[in-house]
């Protein structure tokens, strides 16, 4: 049983890494059998991993055909927005209240490291990719949740955050290409992340709530605009 669970986790992690690294294309149907062969495991743990990813809305399973990436609907985006607001407001409030104790300072330090990496990516055309920037964005926000160390909440949050991944609504096979509007959104993200860190250190609960809300609201607006442009 433990070996099966390990294979299940291997299949799940491999598939999610492929999604996060933008190795799968929108609109393309992928084979469960070929995936199992690719990662050298049987179809059963792969099938379980796919069912889990479908439940988390990373993919859609097509009976007797395979699976494909899930394109978020307006309902998905709206739900993710409200969940993010509730979780991040709560976690940011706790981190700010705990600051400057060592644990909170370490949490903010990890957020600053992720922000610095995002700065470096935008300044380096060779290193930049939409997927890489988003992974650092995820690290920035996950640090707030990791401060509480509630694993079930972190896992749920990752699937919610995935809805906000910019490449959802770009559908550009060349994911390294700098889409101007996304690039400008990334520049805004740097400023908003800076404001969140400043607010956390201020220990002003209203300032924290405002900084988090402005950032999430901006992300929602950008996604909805992309959805209108790519119906």
C-alpha atoms as a PDB file:
ATOM      1  CA  UNK A   1       0.000   0.000   0.000  1.00  0.00           C
ATOM      2  CA  UNK A   2       2.801   2.439   0.880  1.00  0.00           C
ATOM      3  CA  UNK A   3       4.476   1.761  -2.483  1.00  0.00           C
ATOM      4  CA  UNK A   4       1.213   2.482  -4.293  1.00  0.00           C
ATOM      5  CA  UNK A   5       0.821   5.763  -2.437  1.00  0.00           C
ATOM      6  CA  UNK A   6       4.376   6.695  -3.373  1.00  0.00           C
ATOM      7  CA  UNK A   7       3.674   6.011  -7.059  1.00  0.00           C
ATOM      8  CA  UNK A   8       0.445   7.974  -6.776  1.00  0.00           C
ATOM      9  CA  UNK A   9       2.374  10.947  -5.391  1.00  0.00           C
ATOM     10  CA  UNK A  10       5.089  10.619  -8.050  1.00  0.00           C
ATOM     11  CA  UNK A  11       2.483  10.742 -10.807  1.00  0.00           C
ATOM     12  CA  UNK A  12       0.682  13.676  -9.207  1.00  0.00           C
ATOM     13  CA  UNK A  13       3.850  15.704  -8.615  1.00  0.00           C
ATOM     14  CA  UNK A  14       5.148  14.994 -12.120  1.00  0.00           C
ATOM     15  CA  UNK A  15       1.910  16.074 -13.755  1.00  0.00           C
ATOM     16  CA  UNK A  16       1.569  19.213 -11.676  1.00  0.00           C
ATOM     17  CA  UNK A  17       5.177  20.154 -12.415  1.00  0.00           C
ATOM     18  CA  UNK A  18       4.429  19.771 -16.130  1.00  0.00           C
ATOM     19  CA  UNK A  19       1.453  22.100 -15.713  1.00  0.00           C
ATOM     20  CA  UNK A  20       3.379  24.655 -13.642  1.00  0.00           C
ATOM     21  CA  UNK A  21       6.257  24.633 -16.134  1.00  0.00           C
ATOM     22  CA  UNK A  22       3.848  25.204 -19.024  1.00  0.00           C
ATOM     23  CA  UNK A  23       4.759  21.914 -20.740  1.00  0.00           C
ATOM     24  CA  UNK A  24       1.129  21.181 -21.655  1.00  0.00           C
ATOM     25  CA  UNK A  25      -0.806  23.112 -24.293  1.00  0.00           C
ATOM     26  CA  UNK A  26      -4.368  24.341 -24.079  1.00  0.00           C
ATOM     27  CA  UNK A  27      -6.813  22.557 -26.341  1.00  0.00           C
ATOM     28  CA  UNK A  28      -4.621  19.477 -26.735  1.00  0.00           C
ATOM     29  CA  UNK A  29      -5.812  16.063 -25.521  1.00  0.00           C
ATOM     30  CA  UNK A  30      -3.201  14.024 -23.647  1.00  0.00           C
ATOM     31  CA  UNK A  31      -3.126  10.253 -23.222  1.00  0.00           C
ATOM     32  CA  UNK A  32      -3.183   8.627 -19.801  1.00  0.00           C
ATOM     33  CA  UNK A  33      -1.368   5.608 -21.235  1.00  0.00           C
ATOM     34  CA  UNK A  34       1.438   7.656 -22.772  1.00  0.00           C
ATOM     35  CA  UNK A  35       1.846   9.641 -19.569  1.00  0.00           C
ATOM     36  CA  UNK A  36       2.155   6.439 -17.523  1.00  0.00           C
ATOM     37  CA  UNK A  37       4.843   5.184 -19.892  1.00  0.00           C
ATOM     38  CA  UNK A  38       6.650   8.520 -19.774  1.00  0.00           C
ATOM     39  CA  UNK A  39       7.047   8.462 -15.992  1.00  0.00           C
ATOM     40  CA  UNK A  40       7.416   4.653 -15.797  1.00  0.00           C
ATOM     41  CA  UNK A  41       4.451   3.882 -13.546  1.00  0.00           C
ATOM     42  CA  UNK A  42       1.279   1.887 -14.110  1.00  0.00           C
ATOM     43  CA  UNK A  43      -1.961   3.474 -15.262  1.00  0.00           C
ATOM     44  CA  UNK A  44      -3.686   3.049 -11.892  1.00  0.00           C
ATOM     45  CA  UNK A  45      -1.663   5.636  -9.904  1.00  0.00           C
ATOM     46  CA  UNK A  46      -1.698   7.925 -12.956  1.00  0.00           C
ATOM     47  CA  UNK A  47      -5.473   7.666 -13.115  1.00  0.00           C
ATOM     48  CA  UNK A  48      -5.739   8.503  -9.413  1.00  0.00           C
ATOM     49  CA  UNK A  49      -3.419  11.473  -9.880  1.00  0.00           C
ATOM     50  CA  UNK A  50      -5.509  12.714 -12.817  1.00  0.00           C
ATOM     51  CA  UNK A  51      -8.707  12.414 -10.789  1.00  0.00           C
ATOM     52  CA  UNK A  52      -7.118  14.485  -8.029  1.00  0.00           C
ATOM     53  CA  UNK A  53      -5.915  17.130 -10.476  1.00  0.00           C
ATOM     54  CA  UNK A  54      -9.365  17.248 -12.071  1.00  0.00           C
ATOM     55  CA  UNK A  55     -10.944  17.744  -8.645  1.00  0.00           C
ATOM     56  CA  UNK A  56      -8.533  20.643  -8.076  1.00  0.00           C
ATOM     57  CA  UNK A  57      -9.475  22.045 -11.521  1.00  0.00           C
ATOM     58  CA  UNK A  58      -6.039  21.803 -13.072  1.00  0.00           C
ATOM     59  CA  UNK A  59      -7.340  19.522 -15.835  1.00  0.00           C
ATOM     60  CA  UNK A  60     -10.530  18.166 -17.413  1.00  0.00           C
ATOM     61  CA  UNK A  61     -10.873  14.417 -17.950  1.00  0.00           C
ATOM     62  CA  UNK A  62     -12.408  13.368 -21.258  1.00  0.00           C
ATOM     63  CA  UNK A  63     -13.912   9.853 -20.916  1.00  0.00           C
ATOM     64  CA  UNK A  64     -12.341   7.333 -23.318  1.00  0.00           C
ATOM     65  CA  UNK A  65     -10.114  10.062 -24.767  1.00  0.00           C
ATOM     66  CA  UNK A  66      -7.685  11.372 -22.172  1.00  0.00           C
ATOM     67  CA  UNK A  67      -7.365  14.716 -20.443  1.00  0.00           C
ATOM     68  CA  UNK A  68      -6.677  18.359 -21.250  1.00  0.00           C
ATOM     69  CA  UNK A  69      -5.844  21.528 -19.359  1.00  0.00           C
ATOM     70  CA  UNK A  70      -8.801  23.175 -17.674  1.00  0.00           C
ATOM     71  CA  UNK A  71      -9.493  26.702 -18.882  1.00  0.00           C
ATOM     72  CA  UNK A  72     -11.012  28.673 -15.989  1.00  0.00           C
ATOM     73  CA  UNK A  73     -14.497  30.086 -16.410  1.00  0.00           C
ATOM     74  CA  UNK A  74     -15.734  33.347 -14.931  1.00  0.00           C
ATOM     75  CA  UNK A  75     -17.255  31.301 -12.111  1.00  0.00           C
ATOM     76  CA  UNK A  76     -13.867  29.667 -11.394  1.00  0.00           C
ATOM     77  CA  UNK A  77     -12.154  33.061 -11.333  1.00  0.00           C
ATOM     78  CA  UNK A  78     -14.808  34.634  -9.108  1.00  0.00           C
ATOM     79  CA  UNK A  79     -14.641  31.755  -6.630  1.00  0.00           C
ATOM     80  CA  UNK A  80     -10.834  31.803  -6.574  1.00  0.00           C
ATOM     81  CA  UNK A  81     -10.879  35.549  -5.987  1.00  0.00           C
ATOM     82  CA  UNK A  82     -13.069  35.294  -2.884  1.00  0.00           C
ATOM     83  CA  UNK A  83     -11.116  32.345  -1.469  1.00  0.00           C
ATOM     84  CA  UNK A  84      -7.835  34.210  -1.966  1.00  0.00           C
ATOM     85  CA  UNK A  85      -9.199  37.313  -0.261  1.00  0.00           C
ATOM     86  CA  UNK A  86     -10.305  35.369   2.796  1.00  0.00           C
ATOM     87  CA  UNK A  87      -7.141  33.294   3.139  1.00  0.00           C
ATOM     88  CA  UNK A  88      -4.593  36.016   2.445  1.00  0.00           C
ATOM     89  CA  UNK A  89      -6.318  38.650   4.587  1.00  0.00           C
ATOM     90  CA  UNK A  90      -6.323  36.220   7.497  1.00  0.00           C
ATOM     91  CA  UNK A  91      -2.744  34.989   7.103  1.00  0.00           C
ATOM     92  CA  UNK A  92      -1.285  38.420   6.400  1.00  0.00           C
ATOM     93  CA  UNK A  93      -2.964  39.767   9.522  1.00  0.00           C
ATOM     94  CA  UNK A  94      -1.332  37.086  11.654  1.00  0.00           C
ATOM     95  CA  UNK A  95       2.127  37.585  10.122  1.00  0.00           C
ATOM     96  CA  UNK A  96       1.917  41.335  10.656  1.00  0.00           C
ATOM     97  CA  UNK A  97       0.718  40.974  14.252  1.00  0.00           C
ATOM     98  CA  UNK A  98       3.593  38.546  14.990  1.00  0.00           C
ATOM     99  CA  UNK A  99       6.255  40.783  13.412  1.00  0.00           C
ATOM    100  CA  UNK A 100       9.074  41.379  14.339  1.00  0.00           C
ATOM    101  CA  UNK A 101       9.446  38.039  16.121  1.00  0.00           C
ATOM    102  CA  UNK A 102      11.855  35.654  14.416  1.00  0.00           C
ATOM    103  CA  UNK A 103       9.270  33.423  12.759  1.00  0.00           C
ATOM    104  CA  UNK A 104       7.378  36.345  11.214  1.00  0.00           C
ATOM    105  CA  UNK A 105      10.633  38.026  10.194  1.00  0.00           C
ATOM    106  CA  UNK A 106      11.707  34.795   8.445  1.00  0.00           C
ATOM    107  CA  UNK A 107       8.346  34.633   6.657  1.00  0.00           C
ATOM    108  CA  UNK A 108       8.701  38.174   5.376  1.00  0.00           C
ATOM    109  CA  UNK A 109      12.308  37.396   4.458  1.00  0.00           C
ATOM    110  CA  UNK A 110      11.131  34.559   2.177  1.00  0.00           C
ATOM    111  CA  UNK A 111       8.639  36.922   0.589  1.00  0.00           C
ATOM    112  CA  UNK A 112      11.430  39.428  -0.032  1.00  0.00           C
ATOM    113  CA  UNK A 113      13.574  36.722  -1.630  1.00  0.00           C
ATOM    114  CA  UNK A 114      10.739  35.771  -4.001  1.00  0.00           C
ATOM    115  CA  UNK A 115      10.235  39.436  -4.863  1.00  0.00           C
ATOM    116  CA  UNK A 116      13.946  39.887  -5.594  1.00  0.00           C
ATOM    117  CA  UNK A 117      13.854  36.863  -7.894  1.00  0.00           C
ATOM    118  CA  UNK A 118      10.896  38.377  -9.752  1.00  0.00           C
ATOM    119  CA  UNK A 119      12.868  41.578 -10.204  1.00  0.00           C
ATOM    120  CA  UNK A 120      15.793  39.597 -11.617  1.00  0.00           C
ATOM    121  CA  UNK A 121      13.538  37.749 -14.051  1.00  0.00           C
ATOM    122  CA  UNK A 122      12.062  40.950 -15.467  1.00  0.00           C
ATOM    123  CA  UNK A 123      15.553  42.353 -15.954  1.00  0.00           C
ATOM    124  CA  UNK A 124      16.867  39.242 -17.747  1.00  0.00           C
ATOM    125  CA  UNK A 125      15.329  38.392 -21.116  1.00  0.00           C
ATOM    126  CA  UNK A 126      17.082  35.014 -21.221  1.00  0.00           C
ATOM    127  CA  UNK A 127      15.781  33.858 -17.824  1.00  0.00           C
ATOM    128  CA  UNK A 128      12.299  35.356 -18.052  1.00  0.00           C
ATOM    129  CA  UNK A 129       9.244  33.233 -18.633  1.00  0.00           C
ATOM    130  CA  UNK A 130       5.637  33.661 -17.616  1.00  0.00           C
ATOM    131  CA  UNK A 131       5.664  30.297 -15.875  1.00  0.00           C
ATOM    132  CA  UNK A 132       8.859  31.032 -13.921  1.00  0.00           C
ATOM    133  CA  UNK A 133       7.556  34.410 -12.794  1.00  0.00           C
ATOM    134  CA  UNK A 134       4.339  32.792 -11.599  1.00  0.00           C
ATOM    135  CA  UNK A 135       6.234  30.173  -9.567  1.00  0.00           C
ATOM    136  CA  UNK A 136       8.047  32.955  -7.734  1.00  0.00           C
ATOM    137  CA  UNK A 137       4.702  34.694  -7.292  1.00  0.00           C
ATOM    138  CA  UNK A 138       3.319  31.509  -5.748  1.00  0.00           C
ATOM    139  CA  UNK A 139       6.338  31.334  -3.403  1.00  0.00           C
ATOM    140  CA  UNK A 140       5.704  34.942  -2.320  1.00  0.00           C
ATOM    141  CA  UNK A 141       2.086  34.272  -1.376  1.00  0.00           C
ATOM    142  CA  UNK A 142       2.582  30.757   0.006  1.00  0.00           C
ATOM    143  CA  UNK A 143       5.031  32.144   2.566  1.00  0.00           C
ATOM    144  CA  UNK A 144       2.054  33.749   4.318  1.00  0.00           C
ATOM    145  CA  UNK A 145       0.291  30.397   4.602  1.00  0.00           C
ATOM    146  CA  UNK A 146       3.436  28.516   5.546  1.00  0.00           C
ATOM    147  CA  UNK A 147       3.704  30.837   8.535  1.00  0.00           C
ATOM    148  CA  UNK A 148       0.683  28.965   9.927  1.00  0.00           C
ATOM    149  CA  UNK A 149       1.916  25.574   8.599  1.00  0.00           C
ATOM    150  CA  UNK A 150      -1.531  24.147   7.803  1.00  0.00           C
ATOM    151  CA  UNK A 151      -0.803  21.730   4.968  1.00  0.00           C
ATOM    152  CA  UNK A 152      -4.406  21.147   3.863  1.00  0.00           C
ATOM    153  CA  UNK A 153      -4.902  24.895   3.550  1.00  0.00           C
ATOM    154  CA  UNK A 154      -1.687  25.289   1.550  1.00  0.00           C
ATOM    155  CA  UNK A 155      -2.706  22.569  -0.906  1.00  0.00           C
ATOM    156  CA  UNK A 156      -6.135  24.111  -1.423  1.00  0.00           C
ATOM    157  CA  UNK A 157      -4.558  27.523  -1.883  1.00  0.00           C
ATOM    158  CA  UNK A 158      -2.176  26.262  -4.584  1.00  0.00           C
ATOM    159  CA  UNK A 159      -5.078  25.127  -6.752  1.00  0.00           C
ATOM    160  CA  UNK A 160      -6.833  28.461  -6.153  1.00  0.00           C
ATOM    161  CA  UNK A 161      -3.696  30.369  -7.096  1.00  0.00           C
ATOM    162  CA  UNK A 162      -3.367  28.333 -10.284  1.00  0.00           C
ATOM    163  CA  UNK A 163      -6.566  29.946 -11.553  1.00  0.00           C
ATOM    164  CA  UNK A 164      -4.630  33.235 -11.505  1.00  0.00           C
ATOM    165  CA  UNK A 165      -1.713  31.897 -13.529  1.00  0.00           C
ATOM    166  CA  UNK A 166      -1.359  34.342 -16.467  1.00  0.00           C
ATOM    167  CA  UNK A 167      -0.804  31.740 -19.191  1.00  0.00           C
ATOM    168  CA  UNK A 168      -4.370  30.486 -18.726  1.00  0.00           C
ATOM    169  CA  UNK A 169      -5.752  33.217 -20.907  1.00  0.00           C
ATOM    170  CA  UNK A 170      -2.802  33.725 -23.248  1.00  0.00           C
ATOM    171  CA  UNK A 171      -2.700  30.297 -24.880  1.00  0.00           C
ATOM    172  CA  UNK A 172       0.597  31.194 -26.491  1.00  0.00           C
ATOM    173  CA  UNK A 173       2.717  28.135 -27.374  1.00  0.00           C
ATOM    174  CA  UNK A 174       5.850  30.245 -26.929  1.00  0.00           C
ATOM    175  CA  UNK A 175       5.480  30.762 -23.192  1.00  0.00           C
ATOM    176  CA  UNK A 176       8.847  32.555 -22.997  1.00  0.00           C
ATOM    177  CA  UNK A 177       7.676  35.330 -25.298  1.00  0.00           C
ATOM    178  CA  UNK A 178       7.078  38.608 -23.492  1.00  0.00           C
ATOM    179  CA  UNK A 179       3.424  39.375 -23.977  1.00  0.00           C
ATOM    180  CA  UNK A 180       3.372  43.162 -23.457  1.00  0.00           C
ATOM    181  CA  UNK A 181       0.203  43.292 -21.362  1.00  0.00           C
ATOM    182  CA  UNK A 182       1.302  40.437 -19.120  1.00  0.00           C
ATOM    183  CA  UNK A 183       4.760  41.981 -18.790  1.00  0.00           C
ATOM    184  CA  UNK A 184       3.218  45.268 -17.670  1.00  0.00           C
ATOM    185  CA  UNK A 185       1.040  43.366 -15.204  1.00  0.00           C
ATOM    186  CA  UNK A 186       4.185  41.765 -13.828  1.00  0.00           C
ATOM    187  CA  UNK A 187       5.721  45.187 -13.310  1.00  0.00           C
ATOM    188  CA  UNK A 188       2.620  46.223 -11.369  1.00  0.00           C
ATOM    189  CA  UNK A 189       2.924  43.031  -9.341  1.00  0.00           C
ATOM    190  CA  UNK A 190       6.405  44.050  -8.178  1.00  0.00           C
ATOM    191  CA  UNK A 191       5.073  47.348  -6.853  1.00  0.00           C
ATOM    192  CA  UNK A 192       2.108  45.675  -5.172  1.00  0.00           C
ATOM    193  CA  UNK A 193       4.306  43.018  -3.547  1.00  0.00           C
ATOM    194  CA  UNK A 194       6.562  45.779  -2.241  1.00  0.00           C
ATOM    195  CA  UNK A 195       3.517  47.508  -0.726  1.00  0.00           C
ATOM    196  CA  UNK A 196       2.400  44.269   0.957  1.00  0.00           C
ATOM    197  CA  UNK A 197       5.804  43.776   2.583  1.00  0.00           C
ATOM    198  CA  UNK A 198       5.858  47.398   3.734  1.00  0.00           C
ATOM    199  CA  UNK A 199       2.376  47.009   5.199  1.00  0.00           C
ATOM    200  CA  UNK A 200       3.273  43.788   7.017  1.00  0.00           C
ATOM    201  CA  UNK A 201       6.211  45.490   8.700  1.00  0.00           C
ATOM    202  CA  UNK A 202       4.063  48.486   9.647  1.00  0.00           C
ATOM    203  CA  UNK A 203       1.845  46.259  11.850  1.00  0.00           C
ATOM    204  CA  UNK A 204      -1.101  48.420  10.779  1.00  0.00           C
ATOM    205  CA  UNK A 205      -3.984  45.994  10.162  1.00  0.00           C
ATOM    206  CA  UNK A 206      -5.853  48.412   7.905  1.00  0.00           C
ATOM    207  CA  UNK A 207      -2.761  49.025   5.790  1.00  0.00           C
ATOM    208  CA  UNK A 208      -2.177  45.277   5.508  1.00  0.00           C
ATOM    209  CA  UNK A 209      -5.764  44.617   4.459  1.00  0.00           C
ATOM    210  CA  UNK A 210      -5.643  47.422   1.891  1.00  0.00           C
ATOM    211  CA  UNK A 211      -2.344  46.280   0.358  1.00  0.00           C
ATOM    212  CA  UNK A 212      -3.531  42.674   0.031  1.00  0.00           C
ATOM    213  CA  UNK A 213      -6.903  43.727  -1.369  1.00  0.00           C
ATOM    214  CA  UNK A 214      -5.387  46.074  -3.966  1.00  0.00           C
ATOM    215  CA  UNK A 215      -3.100  43.308  -5.200  1.00  0.00           C
ATOM    216  CA  UNK A 216      -5.785  40.630  -5.464  1.00  0.00           C
ATOM    217  CA  UNK A 217      -8.259  43.063  -7.023  1.00  0.00           C
ATOM    218  CA  UNK A 218      -5.667  44.010  -9.647  1.00  0.00           C
ATOM    219  CA  UNK A 219      -5.073  40.345 -10.462  1.00  0.00           C
ATOM    220  CA  UNK A 220      -8.791  39.758 -10.842  1.00  0.00           C
ATOM    221  CA  UNK A 221      -9.169  42.747 -13.147  1.00  0.00           C
ATOM    222  CA  UNK A 222      -6.277  41.607 -15.341  1.00  0.00           C
ATOM    223  CA  UNK A 223      -7.692  38.097 -15.659  1.00  0.00           C
ATOM    224  CA  UNK A 224     -11.181  39.283 -16.541  1.00  0.00           C
ATOM    225  CA  UNK A 225      -9.754  41.607 -19.177  1.00  0.00           C
ATOM    226  CA  UNK A 226      -7.831  38.713 -20.720  1.00  0.00           C
ATOM    227  CA  UNK A 227     -10.963  36.575 -20.658  1.00  0.00           C
ATOM    228  CA  UNK A 228     -12.846  39.247 -22.633  1.00  0.00           C
ATOM    229  CA  UNK A 229     -10.033  39.374 -25.187  1.00  0.00           C
ATOM    230  CA  UNK A 230      -9.829  35.557 -25.474  1.00  0.00           C
ATOM    231  CA  UNK A 231     -13.413  34.278 -25.095  1.00  0.00           C
END
